[in-house]
Amino acid sequence: MTTILITGGHSGIGLAAATELAARKVDLILAGRSPDRMQAIADELRAAHGVSVTTLALDLSSLASVRAAARDVSVTKLDALLCNAGGRFDGDVTFSPDGYETTFATNCLGHFLL
C-alpha cells in the first residue's frame, strides 16, 4: 500500500488533502506540532477509511525537531512527502530556536531539511 508523510495534515488544506488521500486508501503519517489534534484526526481517518494513520511530532521551525522526526519515522517504504505545513503569520517577527525568522525557518529550511 502507498504511504505518504504529510506535514500539517491535521488542519486546513492539509486536512483536506489527508482526508482525500485516506479515502483513496493511502496510508498516512501526519507530522506536526500538535500531537493531541493530530491523534484525534488520525483516529477519525482510520475509522472512516480503514487505513493506517500514524502521527509524528515535528516542529518545522526547529532544525533539531526536524532531525529528530526524520530519525523517528518508522516506515520501511515512504512513497511521498507532502510538504504542506507553512505560514506562521501570527504577529510580530519572531525567530526560531536556531535564530532564523520563524516563517522562513518553517516554510523553507524545515521542509528542505526534512
Protein backbone atom coordinates (compact mmCIF):
# COMPACT_ATOMS: atom_id res chain seq x y z
CA MET A 1 0.00 0.00 0.00
CA THR A 2 1.11 3.58 -0.64
CA THR A 3 2.38 5.57 2.36
CA ILE A 4 2.61 9.38 2.39
CA LEU A 5 4.00 11.64 5.10
CA ILE A 6 2.14 14.95 5.18
CA THR A 7 3.21 17.94 7.23
CA GLY A 8 0.34 19.87 8.75
CA GLY A 9 -2.15 17.21 7.70
CA HIS A 10 -4.36 17.77 10.72
CA SER A 11 -5.86 21.15 9.78
CA GLY A 12 -6.76 23.41 6.86
CA ILE A 13 -5.69 22.44 3.37
CA GLY A 14 -3.51 19.66 4.80
CA LEU A 15 -6.51 18.04 6.46
CA ALA A 16 -8.47 18.23 3.20
CA ALA A 17 -5.56 16.53 1.41
CA ALA A 18 -5.19 13.89 4.14
CA THR A 19 -8.90 13.13 4.02
CA GLU A 20 -8.84 12.73 0.23
CA LEU A 21 -5.75 10.52 0.38
CA ALA A 22 -7.27 8.33 3.10
CA ALA A 23 -10.45 7.98 1.03
CA ARG A 24 -8.21 6.66 -1.77
CA LYS A 25 -6.79 4.06 0.65
CA VAL A 26 -3.41 5.72 1.15
CA ASP A 27 -1.68 5.10 4.49
CA LEU A 28 -0.64 8.34 6.17
CA ILE A 29 1.88 9.76 8.58
CA LEU A 30 0.62 13.07 9.97
CA ALA A 31 3.51 15.27 11.08
CA GLY A 32 3.07 18.45 13.10
CA ARG A 33 3.38 20.42 16.33
CA SER A 34 0.01 19.44 17.85
CA PRO A 35 0.10 15.78 18.98
CA ASP A 36 -3.39 15.80 20.53
CA ARG A 37 -5.04 17.36 17.46
CA MET A 38 -3.13 15.03 15.13
CA GLN A 39 -4.17 11.97 17.16
CA ALA A 40 -7.85 12.93 17.02
CA ILE A 41 -7.65 13.35 13.23
CA ALA A 42 -5.68 10.11 12.87
CA ASP A 43 -8.38 8.25 14.81
CA GLU A 44 -11.12 9.77 12.63
CA LEU A 45 -9.34 8.94 9.36
CA ARG A 46 -8.63 5.36 10.49
CA ALA A 47 -12.26 4.79 11.47
CA ALA A 48 -13.74 6.41 8.36
CA HIS A 49 -11.43 4.91 5.74
CA GLY A 50 -9.77 1.81 7.22
CA VAL A 51 -6.22 2.99 6.53
CA SER A 52 -3.14 3.14 8.71
CA VAL A 53 -2.59 6.64 10.11
CA THR A 54 0.27 7.39 12.47
CA THR A 55 1.47 10.67 13.95
CA LEU A 56 4.92 12.19 14.14
CA ALA A 57 5.92 15.08 16.39
CA LEU A 58 7.54 17.73 14.19
CA ASP A 59 8.15 21.46 14.60
CA LEU A 60 9.43 22.60 11.22
CA SER A 61 10.80 25.84 12.68
CA SER A 62 13.30 23.83 14.76
CA LEU A 63 16.05 22.08 12.85
CA ALA A 64 16.66 19.81 15.86
CA SER A 65 12.98 18.79 15.80
CA VAL A 66 13.19 18.06 12.06
CA ARG A 67 16.26 15.88 12.57
CA ALA A 68 14.59 14.02 15.44
CA ALA A 69 11.41 13.45 13.43
CA ALA A 70 13.40 12.14 10.47
CA ARG A 71 15.11 9.66 12.80
CA ASP A 72 11.76 8.66 14.32
CA VAL A 73 9.92 7.88 11.08
CA SER A 74 9.32 4.16 11.28
CA VAL A 75 8.38 3.02 7.82
CA THR A 76 10.12 0.59 5.55
CA LYS A 77 8.91 2.43 2.49
CA LEU A 78 7.78 6.04 2.13
CA ASP A 79 6.24 6.75 -1.27
CA ALA A 80 5.87 10.51 -0.99
CA LEU A 81 6.43 13.51 1.22
CA LEU A 82 3.72 16.16 1.02
CA CYS A 83 5.18 19.43 2.34
CA ASN A 84 2.03 21.25 3.31
CA ALA A 85 2.69 22.96 6.66
CA GLY A 86 3.59 26.56 6.17
CA GLY A 87 2.82 30.15 7.01
CA ARG A 88 3.43 31.31 10.53
CA PHE A 89 1.89 34.76 10.33
CA ASP A 90 0.94 35.10 13.96
CA GLY A 91 2.04 38.57 14.99
CA ASP A 92 5.37 40.28 15.39
CA VAL A 93 8.52 38.97 13.77
CA THR A 94 9.84 36.02 15.78
CA PHE A 95 12.87 33.81 15.48
CA SER A 96 13.31 30.05 15.52
CA PRO A 97 15.40 28.25 18.14
CA ASP A 98 18.18 28.31 15.52
CA GLY A 99 18.00 32.10 15.07
CA TYR A 100 16.15 32.25 11.72
CA GLU A 101 12.99 34.24 11.15
CA THR A 102 10.20 31.79 12.05
CA THR A 103 8.22 31.82 8.81
CA PHE A 104 11.38 31.31 6.72
CA ALA A 105 12.55 28.55 9.06
CA THR A 106 9.15 26.80 8.90
CA ASN A 107 8.35 27.20 5.20
CA CYS A 108 11.82 26.80 3.70
CA LEU A 109 14.51 25.42 5.97
CA GLY A 110 12.42 22.85 7.82
CA HIS A 111 10.91 21.29 4.73
CA PHE A 112 14.21 21.34 2.86
CA LEU A 113 15.97 19.56 5.74
CA LEU A 114 13.19 17.02 6.11
